Structures are given as structure tokens and as C-alpha cells.
């Protein structure tokens, strides 16, 4: 993970760069009302300020991308694993409806 915006994000290609940019474009538009993300990118070759802003937005995008990939790779609960108490009650209620069992007989 990048520790600050001076660590450069180096996407592996145009596709990854576009994906990273998509993670922050909406927030950029919310904070910079009079300009777009593409406006900043067009000025980058001539403006050190815009180069720095782009680097900071890409650092944020890298953090978000890391969080998304960590969430996606986290294993989901398998059937039979212990559930949250509320979830157990809900599941028992659903099973009782499916089996036409009197709910008063449930624990």
C-alpha cells in the first residue's frame, strides 16, 4: 500500500489506469465543480500543481482498489458455519414457513 502521495502509482497498462481513474472521478467532480478530471489530465504536462493533484487522486484510487480487491478475495461464510444470532432466528422462521411447522415448536 502507498504510504503517501509521493509514492507513485504505476498502473500496468491503460486498462488499469482507466479503472483506477474511475474509482475517483465522481469524487473529483464533487470537489472540483468548475472542471473535470480530464481537464486536470490535459493540464498535467504544463502544470506541476496538476501533476501533484493527479498523483494524489491516483494514490487515493490505489487505496480504494486495494480495499476492493481485499473484499473480493475474502472467503464467504460456508453453509453450516456459525451464524449471527439474529440470522439464526430468521433462518429458523423461514424454514418453519417452508415446512409448515408451528413456530411455537421452534427453540
C-alpha atoms as a PDB file:
ATOM      1  CA  UNK A   1       0.000   0.000   0.000  1.00  0.00           C
ATOM      2  CA  UNK A   2       1.153   3.513  -0.732  1.00  0.00           C
ATOM      3  CA  UNK A   3       2.042   5.498   2.351  1.00  0.00           C
ATOM      4  CA  UNK A   4       1.820   8.948   0.817  1.00  0.00           C
ATOM      5  CA  UNK A   5       1.184  10.684  -2.484  1.00  0.00           C
ATOM      6  CA  UNK A   6       4.918  10.887  -3.247  1.00  0.00           C
ATOM      7  CA  UNK A   7       4.887   7.149  -3.842  1.00  0.00           C
ATOM      8  CA  UNK A   8       3.861   6.886  -7.456  1.00  0.00           C
ATOM      9  CA  UNK A   9       1.060   4.650  -8.632  1.00  0.00           C
ATOM     10  CA  UNK A  10       2.282   2.790 -11.672  1.00  0.00           C
ATOM     11  CA  UNK A  11      -0.634   1.061 -13.402  1.00  0.00           C
ATOM     12  CA  UNK A  12       0.331  -1.911 -15.547  1.00  0.00           C
ATOM     13  CA  UNK A  13      -1.482  -0.513 -18.586  1.00  0.00           C
ATOM     14  CA  UNK A  14      -4.135   1.783 -19.966  1.00  0.00           C
ATOM     15  CA  UNK A  15      -6.941  -0.509 -18.808  1.00  0.00           C
ATOM     16  CA  UNK A  16      -5.766  -0.488 -15.183  1.00  0.00           C
ATOM     17  CA  UNK A  17      -5.185   3.280 -15.315  1.00  0.00           C
ATOM     18  CA  UNK A  18      -8.738   3.812 -16.594  1.00  0.00           C
ATOM     19  CA  UNK A  19     -10.125   1.570 -13.835  1.00  0.00           C
ATOM     20  CA  UNK A  20      -8.173   3.422 -11.139  1.00  0.00           C
ATOM     21  CA  UNK A  21      -9.316   6.772 -12.502  1.00  0.00           C
ATOM     22  CA  UNK A  22     -12.923   5.568 -12.496  1.00  0.00           C
ATOM     23  CA  UNK A  23     -12.658   4.966  -8.755  1.00  0.00           C
ATOM     24  CA  UNK A  24     -12.075   8.672  -8.062  1.00  0.00           C
ATOM     25  CA  UNK A  25     -13.688  10.589 -10.965  1.00  0.00           C
ATOM     26  CA  UNK A  26     -17.008  11.070  -9.181  1.00  0.00           C
ATOM     27  CA  UNK A  27     -15.345  12.406  -6.037  1.00  0.00           C
ATOM     28  CA  UNK A  28     -13.150  14.723  -8.116  1.00  0.00           C
ATOM     29  CA  UNK A  29     -16.255  16.110  -9.842  1.00  0.00           C
ATOM     30  CA  UNK A  30     -17.894  16.678  -6.465  1.00  0.00           C
ATOM     31  CA  UNK A  31     -14.896  18.640  -5.144  1.00  0.00           C
ATOM     32  CA  UNK A  32     -13.908  20.499  -8.331  1.00  0.00           C
ATOM     33  CA  UNK A  33     -17.195  21.909  -9.578  1.00  0.00           C
ATOM     34  CA  UNK A  34     -15.817  24.003 -12.458  1.00  0.00           C
ATOM     35  CA  UNK A  35     -13.561  21.364 -14.022  1.00  0.00           C
ATOM     36  CA  UNK A  36     -13.390  17.704 -14.896  1.00  0.00           C
ATOM     37  CA  UNK A  37     -10.846  15.012 -14.214  1.00  0.00           C
ATOM     38  CA  UNK A  38      -9.915  15.128 -17.915  1.00  0.00           C
ATOM     39  CA  UNK A  39      -9.295  18.901 -17.674  1.00  0.00           C
ATOM     40  CA  UNK A  40      -6.719  18.228 -14.973  1.00  0.00           C
ATOM     41  CA  UNK A  41      -5.144  15.451 -17.046  1.00  0.00           C
ATOM     42  CA  UNK A  42      -4.839  17.771 -20.076  1.00  0.00           C
ATOM     43  CA  UNK A  43      -3.033  20.402 -17.976  1.00  0.00           C
ATOM     44  CA  UNK A  44      -0.641  17.917 -16.360  1.00  0.00           C
ATOM     45  CA  UNK A  45       2.182  18.291 -18.925  1.00  0.00           C
ATOM     46  CA  UNK A  46       2.292  22.052 -18.235  1.00  0.00           C
ATOM     47  CA  UNK A  47       1.374  22.291 -14.552  1.00  0.00           C
ATOM     48  CA  UNK A  48       3.257  20.880 -11.601  1.00  0.00           C
ATOM     49  CA  UNK A  49       0.227  21.552  -9.437  1.00  0.00           C
ATOM     50  CA  UNK A  50      -1.961  19.364 -11.636  1.00  0.00           C
ATOM     51  CA  UNK A  51       0.736  16.676 -11.715  1.00  0.00           C
ATOM     52  CA  UNK A  52       0.675  16.638  -7.923  1.00  0.00           C
ATOM     53  CA  UNK A  53      -3.129  16.626  -7.769  1.00  0.00           C
ATOM     54  CA  UNK A  54      -3.285  13.736 -10.229  1.00  0.00           C
ATOM     55  CA  UNK A  55      -0.707  11.819  -8.212  1.00  0.00           C
ATOM     56  CA  UNK A  56      -2.734  12.346  -5.021  1.00  0.00           C
ATOM     57  CA  UNK A  57      -6.007  11.276  -6.656  1.00  0.00           C
ATOM     58  CA  UNK A  58      -4.307   8.186  -8.053  1.00  0.00           C
ATOM     59  CA  UNK A  59      -2.912   7.373  -4.600  1.00  0.00           C
ATOM     60  CA  UNK A  60      -6.479   7.502  -3.267  1.00  0.00           C
ATOM     61  CA  UNK A  61      -7.616   5.312  -6.168  1.00  0.00           C
ATOM     62  CA  UNK A  62      -4.902   2.768  -5.339  1.00  0.00           C
ATOM     63  CA  UNK A  63      -6.078   2.582  -1.722  1.00  0.00           C
ATOM     64  CA  UNK A  64      -9.665   2.076  -2.871  1.00  0.00           C
ATOM     65  CA  UNK A  65      -8.586  -0.569  -5.378  1.00  0.00           C
ATOM     66  CA  UNK A  66      -6.692  -2.425  -2.665  1.00  0.00           C
ATOM     67  CA  UNK A  67      -9.757  -2.355  -0.410  1.00  0.00           C
ATOM     68  CA  UNK A  68     -11.989  -3.615  -3.230  1.00  0.00           C
ATOM     69  CA  UNK A  69      -9.690  -6.486  -4.123  1.00  0.00           C
ATOM     70  CA  UNK A  70      -9.267  -7.435  -0.454  1.00  0.00           C
ATOM     71  CA  UNK A  71     -13.048  -7.526  -0.039  1.00  0.00           C
ATOM     72  CA  UNK A  72     -13.494  -9.560  -3.212  1.00  0.00           C
ATOM     73  CA  UNK A  73     -10.870 -12.120  -2.179  1.00  0.00           C
ATOM     74  CA  UNK A  74     -12.256 -12.589   1.348  1.00  0.00           C
ATOM     75  CA  UNK A  75     -13.901 -16.025   1.630  1.00  0.00           C
ATOM     76  CA  UNK A  76     -17.628 -16.025   2.256  1.00  0.00           C
ATOM     77  CA  UNK A  77     -19.288 -17.982   5.041  1.00  0.00           C
ATOM     78  CA  UNK A  78     -19.847 -21.601   4.147  1.00  0.00           C
ATOM     79  CA  UNK A  79     -23.126 -23.398   4.888  1.00  0.00           C
ATOM     80  CA  UNK A  80     -23.127 -24.860   8.347  1.00  0.00           C
ATOM     81  CA  UNK A  81     -20.785 -22.263   9.821  1.00  0.00           C
ATOM     82  CA  UNK A  82     -21.919 -20.434  12.916  1.00  0.00           C
ATOM     83  CA  UNK A  83     -24.243 -17.537  12.111  1.00  0.00           C
ATOM     84  CA  UNK A  84     -25.160 -14.365  13.910  1.00  0.00           C
ATOM     85  CA  UNK A  85     -27.959 -14.936  16.419  1.00  0.00           C
ATOM     86  CA  UNK A  86     -30.456 -12.758  14.503  1.00  0.00           C
ATOM     87  CA  UNK A  87     -29.648 -14.627  11.295  1.00  0.00           C
ATOM     88  CA  UNK A  88     -30.320 -17.959  13.022  1.00  0.00           C
ATOM     89  CA  UNK A  89     -33.734 -16.806  14.181  1.00  0.00           C
ATOM     90  CA  UNK A  90     -34.570 -15.523  10.719  1.00  0.00           C
ATOM     91  CA  UNK A  91     -33.456 -18.795   9.098  1.00  0.00           C
ATOM     92  CA  UNK A  92     -35.485 -20.857  11.550  1.00  0.00           C
ATOM     93  CA  UNK A  93     -38.543 -18.730  10.815  1.00  0.00           C
ATOM     94  CA  UNK A  94     -38.080 -19.225   7.047  1.00  0.00           C
ATOM     95  CA  UNK A  95     -37.605 -22.974   7.466  1.00  0.00           C
ATOM     96  CA  UNK A  96     -40.764 -23.170   9.599  1.00  0.00           C
ATOM     97  CA  UNK A  97     -42.765 -21.421   6.873  1.00  0.00           C
ATOM     98  CA  UNK A  98     -41.349 -23.729   4.189  1.00  0.00           C
ATOM     99  CA  UNK A  99     -42.100 -26.878   6.186  1.00  0.00           C
ATOM    100  CA  UNK A 100     -45.471 -25.702   7.568  1.00  0.00           C
ATOM    101  CA  UNK A 101     -44.193 -26.201  11.117  1.00  0.00           C
ATOM    102  CA  UNK A 102     -45.821 -24.441  14.029  1.00  0.00           C
ATOM    103  CA  UNK A 103     -43.404 -21.700  15.149  1.00  0.00           C
ATOM    104  CA  UNK A 104     -44.221 -22.346  18.802  1.00  0.00           C
ATOM    105  CA  UNK A 105     -42.400 -25.677  18.435  1.00  0.00           C
ATOM    106  CA  UNK A 106     -39.149 -23.882  17.479  1.00  0.00           C
ATOM    107  CA  UNK A 107     -36.498 -23.181  20.151  1.00  0.00           C
END
